[in-house]
PDB file of N, CA and C in Angstrom:
ATOM      1  N   MET A   1     -21.214  52.349  36.291  1.00  0.00           N
ATOM      2  CA  MET A   1     -20.776  53.066  35.014  1.00  0.00           C
ATOM      3  C   MET A   1     -20.566  54.496  35.263  1.00  0.00           C
ATOM      4  N   LYS A   2     -19.562  55.021  34.736  1.00  0.00           N
ATOM      5  CA  LYS A   2     -19.264  56.435  34.812  1.00  0.00           C
ATOM      6  C   LYS A   2     -19.007  57.034  33.514  1.00  0.00           C
ATOM      7  N   PRO A   3     -20.117  57.340  32.744  1.00  0.00           N
ATOM      8  CA  PRO A   3     -19.876  57.984  31.300  1.00  0.00           C
ATOM      9  C   PRO A   3     -19.412  59.313  31.426  1.00  0.00           C
ATOM     10  N   LEU A   4     -18.630  59.717  30.482  1.00  0.00           N
ATOM     11  CA  LEU A   4     -18.200  61.218  30.372  1.00  0.00           C
ATOM     12  C   LEU A   4     -19.347  62.055  29.818  1.00  0.00           C
ATOM     13  N   VAL A   5     -19.224  63.349  30.002  1.00  0.00           N
ATOM     14  CA  VAL A   5     -20.317  64.224  29.518  1.00  0.00           C
ATOM     15  C   VAL A   5     -20.057  64.390  28.049  1.00  0.00           C
ATOM     16  N   ILE A   6     -21.159  64.715  27.323  1.00  0.00           N
ATOM     17  CA  ILE A   6     -21.145  65.041  25.870  1.00  0.00           C
ATOM     18  C   ILE A   6     -20.565  66.481  25.722  1.00  0.00           C
ATOM     19  N   PRO A   7     -19.545  66.753  24.963  1.00  0.00           N
ATOM     20  CA  PRO A   7     -19.155  68.092  24.768  1.00  0.00           C
ATOM     21  C   PRO A   7     -20.222  69.125  24.394  1.00  0.00           C
ATOM     22  N   PRO A   8     -20.230  70.299  24.889  1.00  0.00           N
ATOM     23  CA  PRO A   8     -21.275  71.282  24.421  1.00  0.00           C
ATOM     24  C   PRO A   8     -21.485  71.474  22.962  1.00  0.00           C
ATOM     25  N   ALA A   9     -20.392  71.449  22.306  1.00  0.00           N
ATOM     26  CA  ALA A   9     -20.408  71.611  20.733  1.00  0.00           C
ATOM     27  C   ALA A   9     -21.232  70.524  20.181  1.00  0.00           C
ATOM     28  N   ALA A  10     -20.886  69.321  20.657  1.00  0.00           N
ATOM     29  CA  ALA A  10     -21.593  68.184  20.122  1.00  0.00           C
ATOM     30  C   ALA A  10     -23.109  68.173  20.403  1.00  0.00           C
ATOM     31  N   GLN A  11     -23.524  68.735  21.560  1.00  0.00           N
ATOM     32  CA  GLN A  11     -24.896  68.858  21.975  1.00  0.00           C
ATOM     33  C   GLN A  11     -25.537  69.869  20.993  1.00  0.00           C
ATOM     34  N   ARG A  12     -24.838  70.892  20.626  1.00  0.00           N
ATOM     35  CA  ARG A  12     -25.399  72.064  19.810  1.00  0.00           C
ATOM     36  C   ARG A  12     -25.568  71.637  18.362  1.00  0.00           C
ATOM     37  N   ASP A  13     -24.702  70.742  17.900  1.00  0.00           N
ATOM     38  CA  ASP A  13     -24.600  70.521  16.486  1.00  0.00           C
ATOM     39  C   ASP A  13     -25.468  69.225  16.160  1.00  0.00           C
ATOM     40  N   ASP A  14     -26.499  69.435  15.325  1.00  0.00           N
ATOM     41  CA  ASP A  14     -27.445  68.365  14.910  1.00  0.00           C
ATOM     42  C   ASP A  14     -26.657  67.308  14.047  1.00  0.00           C
ATOM     43  N   LYS A  15     -25.512  67.760  13.438  1.00  0.00           N
ATOM     44  CA  LYS A  15     -24.873  66.795  12.553  1.00  0.00           C
ATOM     45  C   LYS A  15     -23.571  66.247  13.305  1.00  0.00           C
ATOM     46  N   ALA A  16     -23.452  66.294  14.652  1.00  0.00           N
ATOM     47  CA  ALA A  16     -22.412  65.758  15.255  1.00  0.00           C
ATOM     48  C   ALA A  16     -22.413  64.303  15.204  1.00  0.00           C
ATOM     49  N   ILE A  17     -21.218  63.697  15.131  1.00  0.00           N
ATOM     50  CA  ILE A  17     -21.099  62.294  14.982  1.00  0.00           C
ATOM     51  C   ILE A  17     -20.092  61.741  16.099  1.00  0.00           C
ATOM     52  N   GLN A  18     -20.437  60.743  16.871  1.00  0.00           N
ATOM     53  CA  GLN A  18     -19.497  60.231  17.855  1.00  0.00           C
ATOM     54  C   GLN A  18     -18.715  59.095  17.049  1.00  0.00           C
ATOM     55  N   MET A  19     -17.381  59.374  17.043  1.00  0.00           N
ATOM     56  CA  MET A  19     -16.489  58.421  16.331  1.00  0.00           C
ATOM     57  C   MET A  19     -15.873  57.373  17.154  1.00  0.00           C
ATOM     58  N   LEU A  20     -15.833  57.576  18.410  1.00  0.00           N
ATOM     59  CA  LEU A  20     -15.012  56.580  19.216  1.00  0.00           C
ATOM     60  C   LEU A  20     -15.578  56.725  20.764  1.00  0.00           C
ATOM     61  N   SER A  21     -15.700  55.538  21.341  1.00  0.00           N
ATOM     62  CA  SER A  21     -16.001  55.446  22.829  1.00  0.00           C
ATOM     63  C   SER A  21     -15.174  54.268  23.334  1.00  0.00           C
ATOM     64  N   ALA A  22     -14.453  54.559  24.319  1.00  0.00           N
ATOM     65  CA  ALA A  22     -13.537  53.523  24.933  1.00  0.00           C
ATOM     66  C   ALA A  22     -13.756  53.306  26.434  1.00  0.00           C
ATOM     67  N   TRP A  23     -13.908  52.168  26.908  1.00  0.00           N
ATOM     68  CA  TRP A  23     -14.152  51.847  28.301  1.00  0.00           C
ATOM     69  C   TRP A  23     -13.107  50.888  28.759  1.00  0.00           C
ATOM     70  N   ILE A  24     -12.792  50.937  30.086  1.00  0.00           N
ATOM     71  CA  ILE A  24     -12.035  49.921  30.800  1.00  0.00           C
ATOM     72  C   ILE A  24     -13.041  49.145  31.573  1.00  0.00           C
ATOM     73  N   ALA A  25     -13.266  47.903  31.196  1.00  0.00           N
ATOM     74  CA  ALA A  25     -14.184  46.994  31.912  1.00  0.00           C
ATOM     75  C   ALA A  25     -13.837  45.489  31.916  1.00  0.00           C
ATOM     76  N   GLU A  26     -14.083  44.843  32.897  1.00  0.00           N
ATOM     77  CA  GLU A  26     -13.705  43.359  33.006  1.00  0.00           C
ATOM     78  C   GLU A  26     -12.309  43.214  32.642  1.00  0.00           C
ATOM     79  N   HIS A  27     -11.411  43.970  33.184  1.00  0.00           N
ATOM     80  CA  HIS A  27     -10.010  43.892  33.090  1.00  0.00           C
ATOM     81  C   HIS A  27      -9.459  44.143  31.612  1.00  0.00           C
ATOM     82  N   GLY A  28     -10.104  44.886  30.966  1.00  0.00           N
ATOM     83  CA  GLY A  28      -9.677  45.148  29.510  1.00  0.00           C
ATOM     84  C   GLY A  28     -10.297  46.363  28.847  1.00  0.00           C
ATOM     85  N   GLN A  29      -9.857  46.690  27.697  1.00  0.00           N
ATOM     86  CA  GLN A  29     -10.395  47.867  27.031  1.00  0.00           C
ATOM     87  C   GLN A  29     -11.500  47.301  26.039  1.00  0.00           C
ATOM     88  N   HIS A  30     -12.555  48.036  26.075  1.00  0.00           N
ATOM     89  CA  HIS A  30     -13.733  47.854  25.183  1.00  0.00           C
ATOM     90  C   HIS A  30     -14.071  49.148  24.437  1.00  0.00           C
ATOM     91  N   CYS A  31     -14.187  49.019  23.087  1.00  0.00           N
ATOM     92  CA  CYS A  31     -14.399  50.232  22.316  1.00  0.00           C
ATOM     93  C   CYS A  31     -15.662  50.052  21.344  1.00  0.00           C
ATOM     94  N   THR A  32     -16.257  51.115  20.972  1.00  0.00           N
ATOM     95  CA  THR A  32     -17.132  51.144  19.811  1.00  0.00           C
ATOM     96  C   THR A  32     -16.473  52.355  18.922  1.00  0.00           C
ATOM     97  N   ILE A  33     -16.485  51.917  17.579  1.00  0.00           N
ATOM     98  CA  ILE A  33     -15.717  52.835  16.684  1.00  0.00           C
ATOM     99  C   ILE A  33     -16.639  52.936  15.514  1.00  0.00           C
ATOM    100  N   LYS A  34     -16.712  54.260  15.053  1.00  0.00           N
ATOM    101  CA  LYS A  34     -17.409  54.597  13.790  1.00  0.00           C
ATOM    102  C   LYS A  34     -16.498  54.417  12.661  1.00  0.00           C
ATOM    103  N   VAL A  35     -16.457  53.246  12.015  1.00  0.00           N
ATOM    104  CA  VAL A  35     -15.500  53.056  10.921  1.00  0.00           C
ATOM    105  C   VAL A  35     -16.298  53.283   9.561  1.00  0.00           C
ATOM    106  N   GLY A  36     -15.694  53.937   8.627  1.00  0.00           N
ATOM    107  CA  GLY A  36     -16.316  54.091   7.356  1.00  0.00           C
ATOM    108  C   GLY A  36     -16.706  55.452   6.986  1.00  0.00           C
ATOM    109  N   LEU A  37     -16.824  56.350   8.011  1.00  0.00           N
ATOM    110  CA  LEU A  37     -17.265  57.711   7.637  1.00  0.00           C
ATOM    111  C   LEU A  37     -16.521  58.437   6.573  1.00  0.00           C
ATOM    112  N   TRP A  38     -15.102  58.389   6.687  1.00  0.00           N
ATOM    113  CA  TRP A  38     -14.224  58.978   5.716  1.00  0.00           C
ATOM    114  C   TRP A  38     -14.243  58.296   4.340  1.00  0.00           C
ATOM    115  N   GLN A  39     -14.119  56.950   4.557  1.00  0.00           N
ATOM    116  CA  GLN A  39     -14.151  56.139   3.245  1.00  0.00           C
ATOM    117  C   GLN A  39     -15.383  56.351   2.499  1.00  0.00           C
ATOM    118  N   ASP A  40     -16.636  56.407   3.108  1.00  0.00           N
ATOM    119  CA  ASP A  40     -17.865  56.622   2.499  1.00  0.00           C
ATOM    120  C   ASP A  40     -18.023  58.042   1.829  1.00  0.00           C
ATOM    121  N   ASN A  41     -17.067  58.932   2.281  1.00  0.00           N
ATOM    122  CA  ASN A  41     -17.079  60.305   1.752  1.00  0.00           C
ATOM    123  C   ASN A  41     -15.860  60.551   0.828  1.00  0.00           C
ATOM    124  N   GLY A  42     -15.252  59.464   0.303  1.00  0.00           N
ATOM    125  CA  GLY A  42     -14.181  59.628  -0.648  1.00  0.00           C
ATOM    126  C   GLY A  42     -12.816  59.823  -0.124  1.00  0.00           C
ATOM    127  N   ARG A  43     -12.637  59.690   1.198  1.00  0.00           N
ATOM    128  CA  ARG A  43     -11.291  59.922   1.676  1.00  0.00           C
ATOM    129  C   ARG A  43     -10.682  58.505   2.228  1.00  0.00           C
ATOM    130  N   ASP A  44      -9.291  58.423   2.161  1.00  0.00           N
ATOM    131  CA  ASP A  44      -8.746  57.239   2.728  1.00  0.00           C
ATOM    132  C   ASP A  44      -8.974  57.204   4.204  1.00  0.00           C
ATOM    133  N   GLU A  45      -9.552  56.212   4.659  1.00  0.00           N
ATOM    134  CA  GLU A  45      -9.880  55.939   6.136  1.00  0.00           C
ATOM    135  C   GLU A  45      -8.721  55.995   7.013  1.00  0.00           C
ATOM    136  N   ALA A  46      -7.667  55.231   6.732  1.00  0.00           N
ATOM    137  CA  ALA A  46      -6.510  55.062   7.691  1.00  0.00           C
ATOM    138  C   ALA A  46      -5.761  56.458   7.931  1.00  0.00           C
ATOM    139  N   PRO A  47      -5.422  57.202   6.934  1.00  0.00           N
ATOM    140  CA  PRO A  47      -4.739  58.602   7.303  1.00  0.00           C
ATOM    141  C   PRO A  47      -5.768  59.511   8.002  1.00  0.00           C
ATOM    142  N   ALA A  48      -7.077  59.394   7.708  1.00  0.00           N
ATOM    143  CA  ALA A  48      -8.042  60.234   8.417  1.00  0.00           C
ATOM    144  C   ALA A  48      -8.111  59.913   9.898  1.00  0.00           C
ATOM    145  N   TRP A  49      -8.025  58.485  10.213  1.00  0.00           N
ATOM    146  CA  TRP A  49      -7.982  58.171  11.629  1.00  0.00           C
ATOM    147  C   TRP A  49      -6.640  58.665  12.265  1.00  0.00           C
ATOM    148  N   GLY A  50      -5.538  58.669  11.475  1.00  0.00           N
ATOM    149  CA  GLY A  50      -4.336  59.192  12.078  1.00  0.00           C
ATOM    150  C   GLY A  50      -4.546  60.706  12.423  1.00  0.00           C
ATOM    151  N   ILE A  51      -5.091  61.473  11.707  1.00  0.00           N
ATOM    152  CA  ILE A  51      -5.403  62.853  11.965  1.00  0.00           C
ATOM    153  C   ILE A  51      -6.284  62.940  13.162  1.00  0.00           C
ATOM    154  N   PHE A  52      -7.366  62.187  13.241  1.00  0.00           N
ATOM    155  CA  PHE A  52      -8.226  62.133  14.348  1.00  0.00           C
ATOM    156  C   PHE A  52      -7.614  61.708  15.574  1.00  0.00           C
ATOM    157  N   LEU A  53      -6.757  60.742  15.634  1.00  0.00           N
ATOM    158  CA  LEU A  53      -5.996  60.272  16.816  1.00  0.00           C
ATOM    159  C   LEU A  53      -4.858  61.287  17.224  1.00  0.00           C
ATOM    160  N   ALA A  54      -4.305  61.979  16.299  1.00  0.00           N
ATOM    161  CA  ALA A  54      -3.309  63.028  16.592  1.00  0.00           C
ATOM    162  C   ALA A  54      -3.955  64.262  17.396  1.00  0.00           C
ATOM    163  N   ASP A  55      -5.219  64.572  16.789  1.00  0.00           N
ATOM    164  CA  ASP A  55      -5.977  65.707  17.529  1.00  0.00           C
ATOM    165  C   ASP A  55      -6.432  65.196  18.915  1.00  0.00           C
ATOM    166  N   THR A  56      -6.700  63.998  19.035  1.00  0.00           N
ATOM    167  CA  THR A  56      -7.076  63.271  20.244  1.00  0.00           C
ATOM    168  C   THR A  56      -5.930  63.466  21.345  1.00  0.00           C
ATOM    169  N   ILE A  57      -4.732  63.091  20.816  1.00  0.00           N
ATOM    170  CA  ILE A  57      -3.593  63.155  21.684  1.00  0.00           C
ATOM    171  C   ILE A  57      -3.308  64.461  22.093  1.00  0.00           C
ATOM    172  N   ARG A  58      -3.442  65.467  21.187  1.00  0.00           N
ATOM    173  CA  ARG A  58      -3.319  66.939  21.600  1.00  0.00           C
ATOM    174  C   ARG A  58      -4.259  67.404  22.692  1.00  0.00           C
ATOM    175  N   HIS A  59      -5.528  66.900  22.600  1.00  0.00           N
ATOM    176  CA  HIS A  59      -6.592  67.242  23.637  1.00  0.00           C
ATOM    177  C   HIS A  59      -6.109  66.614  24.923  1.00  0.00           C
ATOM    178  N   ILE A  60      -5.606  65.325  24.912  1.00  0.00           N
ATOM    179  CA  ILE A  60      -5.117  64.725  26.200  1.00  0.00           C
ATOM    180  C   ILE A  60      -3.880  65.533  26.779  1.00  0.00           C
ATOM    181  N   ALA A  61      -3.019  65.939  25.898  1.00  0.00           N
ATOM    182  CA  ALA A  61      -1.949  66.706  26.306  1.00  0.00           C
ATOM    183  C   ALA A  61      -2.265  68.068  26.951  1.00  0.00           C
ATOM    184  N   ASN A  62      -3.233  68.710  26.325  1.00  0.00           N
ATOM    185  CA  ASN A  62      -3.762  70.015  26.793  1.00  0.00           C
ATOM    186  C   ASN A  62      -4.437  69.776  28.199  1.00  0.00           C
ATOM    187  N   ALA A  63      -5.215  68.718  28.378  1.00  0.00           N
ATOM    188  CA  ALA A  63      -6.029  68.413  29.530  1.00  0.00           C
ATOM    189  C   ALA A  63      -4.918  68.170  30.694  1.00  0.00           C
ATOM    190  N   LEU A  64      -3.910  67.315  30.366  1.00  0.00           N
ATOM    191  CA  LEU A  64      -2.844  67.114  31.421  1.00  0.00           C
ATOM    192  C   LEU A  64      -2.125  68.296  31.908  1.00  0.00           C
ATOM    193  N   GLN A  65      -1.932  69.232  30.895  1.00  0.00           N
ATOM    194  CA  GLN A  65      -1.210  70.528  31.208  1.00  0.00           C
ATOM    195  C   GLN A  65      -2.091  71.352  32.069  1.00  0.00           C
ATOM    196  N   GLU A  66      -3.415  71.384  31.767  1.00  0.00           N
ATOM    197  CA  GLU A  66      -4.330  72.278  32.477  1.00  0.00           C
ATOM    198  C   GLU A  66      -4.557  71.637  33.905  1.00  0.00           C
ATOM    199  N   GLN A  67      -4.662  70.290  34.009  1.00  0.00           N
ATOM    200  CA  GLN A  67      -4.942  69.645  35.227  1.00  0.00           C
ATOM    201  C   GLN A  67      -3.786  69.496  36.256  1.00  0.00           C
ATOM    202  N   TYR A  68      -2.616  69.153  35.605  1.00  0.00           N
ATOM    203  CA  TYR A  68      -1.420  68.803  36.423  1.00  0.00           C
ATOM    204  C   TYR A  68      -0.225  69.679  36.100  1.00  0.00           C
ATOM    205  N   GLY A  69      -0.240  70.563  35.131  1.00  0.00           N
ATOM    206  CA  GLY A  69       0.878  71.438  34.826  1.00  0.00           C
ATOM    207  C   GLY A  69       1.903  70.816  34.044  1.00  0.00           C
ATOM    208  N   GLN A  70       1.629  69.557  33.524  1.00  0.00           N
ATOM    209  CA  GLN A  70       2.647  68.873  32.714  1.00  0.00           C
ATOM    210  C   GLN A  70       2.766  69.517  31.336  1.00  0.00           C
ATOM    211  N   PRO A  71       3.926  69.909  30.869  1.00  0.00           N
ATOM    212  CA  PRO A  71       4.022  70.591  29.576  1.00  0.00           C
ATOM    213  C   PRO A  71       3.400  69.684  28.394  1.00  0.00           C
ATOM    214  N   ALA A  72       2.635  70.265  27.581  1.00  0.00           N
ATOM    215  CA  ALA A  72       1.776  69.465  26.445  1.00  0.00           C
ATOM    216  C   ALA A  72       2.880  68.800  25.653  1.00  0.00           C
ATOM    217  N   SER A  73       4.056  69.456  25.267  1.00  0.00           N
ATOM    218  CA  SER A  73       4.964  68.844  24.445  1.00  0.00           C
ATOM    219  C   SER A  73       5.632  67.509  25.065  1.00  0.00           C
ATOM    220  N   ASP A  74       5.873  67.652  26.393  1.00  0.00           N
ATOM    221  CA  ASP A  74       6.398  66.386  27.070  1.00  0.00           C
ATOM    222  C   ASP A  74       5.407  65.333  26.945  1.00  0.00           C
ATOM    223  N   THR A  75       4.119  65.576  27.200  1.00  0.00           N
ATOM    224  CA  THR A  75       3.034  64.610  27.222  1.00  0.00           C
ATOM    225  C   THR A  75       2.975  63.946  25.810  1.00  0.00           C
ATOM    226  N   ILE A  76       3.038  64.755  24.831  1.00  0.00           N
ATOM    227  CA  ILE A  76       2.926  64.211  23.459  1.00  0.00           C
ATOM    228  C   ILE A  76       4.113  63.305  23.159  1.00  0.00           C
ATOM    229  N   SER A  77       5.251  63.666  23.539  1.00  0.00           N
ATOM    230  CA  SER A  77       6.424  62.916  23.384  1.00  0.00           C
ATOM    231  C   SER A  77       6.304  61.531  24.058  1.00  0.00           C
ATOM    232  N   ALA A  78       5.852  61.551  25.380  1.00  0.00           N
ATOM    233  CA  ALA A  78       5.643  60.362  26.151  1.00  0.00           C
ATOM    234  C   ALA A  78       4.521  59.466  25.573  1.00  0.00           C
ATOM    235  N   ILE A  79       3.522  60.046  25.089  1.00  0.00           N
ATOM    236  CA  ILE A  79       2.386  59.279  24.478  1.00  0.00           C
ATOM    237  C   ILE A  79       2.936  58.639  23.219  1.00  0.00           C
ATOM    238  N   MET A  80       3.600  59.294  22.285  1.00  0.00           N
ATOM    239  CA  MET A  80       4.188  58.810  21.113  1.00  0.00           C
ATOM    240  C   MET A  80       5.096  57.665  21.323  1.00  0.00           C
ATOM    241  N   GLU A  81       6.004  57.752  22.418  1.00  0.00           N
ATOM    242  CA  GLU A  81       6.852  56.713  22.661  1.00  0.00           C
ATOM    243  C   GLU A  81       6.145  55.491  23.096  1.00  0.00           C
ATOM    244  N   SER A  82       5.247  55.660  24.037  1.00  0.00           N
ATOM    245  CA  SER A  82       4.350  54.628  24.492  1.00  0.00           C
ATOM    246  C   SER A  82       3.538  53.890  23.386  1.00  0.00           C
ATOM    247  N   LEU A  83       2.975  54.694  22.542  1.00  0.00           N
ATOM    248  CA  LEU A  83       2.194  54.235  21.485  1.00  0.00           C
ATOM    249  C   LEU A  83       3.034  53.396  20.480  1.00  0.00           C
ATOM    250  N   HIS A  84       4.219  53.849  20.201  1.00  0.00           N
ATOM    251  CA  HIS A  84       5.214  53.062  19.334  1.00  0.00           C
ATOM    252  C   HIS A  84       5.552  51.760  19.984  1.00  0.00           C
ATOM    253  N   ASP A  85       5.881  51.872  21.369  1.00  0.00           N
ATOM    254  CA  ASP A  85       6.171  50.684  22.012  1.00  0.00           C
ATOM    255  C   ASP A  85       5.111  49.612  22.028  1.00  0.00           C
ATOM    256  N   GLU A  86       3.945  50.082  22.324  1.00  0.00           N
ATOM    257  CA  GLU A  86       2.707  49.192  22.409  1.00  0.00           C
ATOM    258  C   GLU A  86       2.391  48.606  21.056  1.00  0.00           C
ATOM    259  N   LEU A  87       2.466  49.422  19.984  1.00  0.00           N
ATOM    260  CA  LEU A  87       2.173  48.765  18.684  1.00  0.00           C
ATOM    261  C   LEU A  87       3.320  47.817  18.283  1.00  0.00           C
ATOM    262  N   SER A  88       4.500  48.049  18.600  1.00  0.00           N
ATOM    263  CA  SER A  88       5.640  47.237  18.254  1.00  0.00           C
ATOM    264  C   SER A  88       5.668  45.894  19.153  1.00  0.00           C
ATOM    265  N   ASP A  89       5.229  45.994  20.404  1.00  0.00           N
ATOM    266  CA  ASP A  89       5.330  44.908  21.298  1.00  0.00           C
ATOM    267  C   ASP A  89       4.041  44.958  22.232  1.00  0.00           C
ATOM    268  N   PRO A  90       2.981  44.616  21.741  1.00  0.00           N
ATOM    269  CA  PRO A  90       1.805  44.626  22.624  1.00  0.00           C
ATOM    270  C   PRO A  90       1.646  44.025  23.963  1.00  0.00           C
ATOM    271  N   THR A  91       1.294  44.657  25.027  1.00  0.00           N
ATOM    272  CA  THR A  91       1.169  44.072  26.305  1.00  0.00           C
ATOM    273  C   THR A  91       0.025  43.148  26.429  1.00  0.00           C
ATOM    274  N   SER A  92      -0.981  43.274  25.610  1.00  0.00           N
ATOM    275  CA  SER A  92      -2.135  42.419  25.430  1.00  0.00           C
ATOM    276  C   SER A  92      -2.712  42.469  23.980  1.00  0.00           C
ATOM    277  N   ASP A  93      -3.544  41.417  23.751  1.00  0.00           N
ATOM    278  CA  ASP A  93      -4.168  41.416  22.500  1.00  0.00           C
ATOM    279  C   ASP A  93      -5.411  42.293  22.278  1.00  0.00           C
ATOM    280  N   ALA A  94      -5.652  42.720  21.230  1.00  0.00           N
ATOM    281  CA  ALA A  94      -6.921  43.546  21.024  1.00  0.00           C
ATOM    282  C   ALA A  94      -7.921  42.467  20.638  1.00  0.00           C
ATOM    283  N   LYS A  95      -8.918  42.240  21.357  1.00  0.00           N
ATOM    284  CA  LYS A  95      -9.940  41.277  21.219  1.00  0.00           C
ATOM    285  C   LYS A  95     -11.272  41.833  20.958  1.00  0.00           C
ATOM    286  N   GLY A  96     -12.147  41.039  20.348  1.00  0.00           N
ATOM    287  CA  GLY A  96     -13.435  41.528  20.108  1.00  0.00           C
ATOM    288  C   GLY A  96     -13.792  41.406  18.602  1.00  0.00           C
ATOM    289  N   SER A  97     -14.947  41.966  18.251  1.00  0.00           N
ATOM    290  CA  SER A  97     -15.429  41.871  16.926  1.00  0.00           C
ATOM    291  C   SER A  97     -15.923  43.070  16.376  1.00  0.00           C
ATOM    292  N   PHE A  98     -16.190  43.219  15.103  1.00  0.00           N
ATOM    293  CA  PHE A  98     -16.593  44.464  14.491  1.00  0.00           C
ATOM    294  C   PHE A  98     -18.055  44.228  14.058  1.00  0.00           C
ATOM    295  N   SER A  99     -19.045  45.050  14.516  1.00  0.00           N
ATOM    296  CA  SER A  99     -20.422  44.891  14.216  1.00  0.00           C
ATOM    297  C   SER A  99     -20.714  45.985  13.110  1.00  0.00           C
ATOM    298  N   HIS A 100     -21.118  45.648  12.016  1.00  0.00           N
ATOM    299  CA  HIS A 100     -21.524  46.469  10.893  1.00  0.00           C
ATOM    300  C   HIS A 100     -22.857  47.132  11.251  1.00  0.00           C
ATOM    301  N   GLY A 101     -23.101  48.344  10.822  1.00  0.00           N
ATOM    302  CA  GLY A 101     -24.271  49.044  11.064  1.00  0.00           C
ATOM    303  C   GLY A 101     -24.253  49.913  12.325  1.00  0.00           C
ATOM    304  N   HIS A 102     -24.011  51.231  12.086  1.00  0.00           N
ATOM    305  CA  HIS A 102     -23.933  52.159  13.176  1.00  0.00           C
ATOM    306  C   HIS A 102     -25.234  52.931  13.205  1.00  0.00           C
ATOM    307  N   GLY A 103     -25.583  53.378  14.392  1.00  0.00           N
ATOM    308  CA  GLY A 103     -26.784  54.129  14.502  1.00  0.00           C
ATOM    309  C   GLY A 103     -26.807  55.467  14.054  1.00  0.00           C
TER     310      GLY A 103
END
């Protein structure tokens, strides 16, 4: 197993919440997802996840720019195109189950 480091801000903040963890294992993607945080606080869950995922895409684009010199705008465009294609015509099924009750 090769877990990523916890960001320093998350280590410093006693109220930090891990929202998503994704792994590639046994030839597939496996995730744990904190569903309900926004809904439980009076916000629509789906649009809030859209904002969260958009921020995540920007972080990926910035990391690829820093690491490999790829323009962030090109990376965002490529991710958006791939995301649209994958949602429209999935290369594999999303399998698994949702377990209620987060720590």
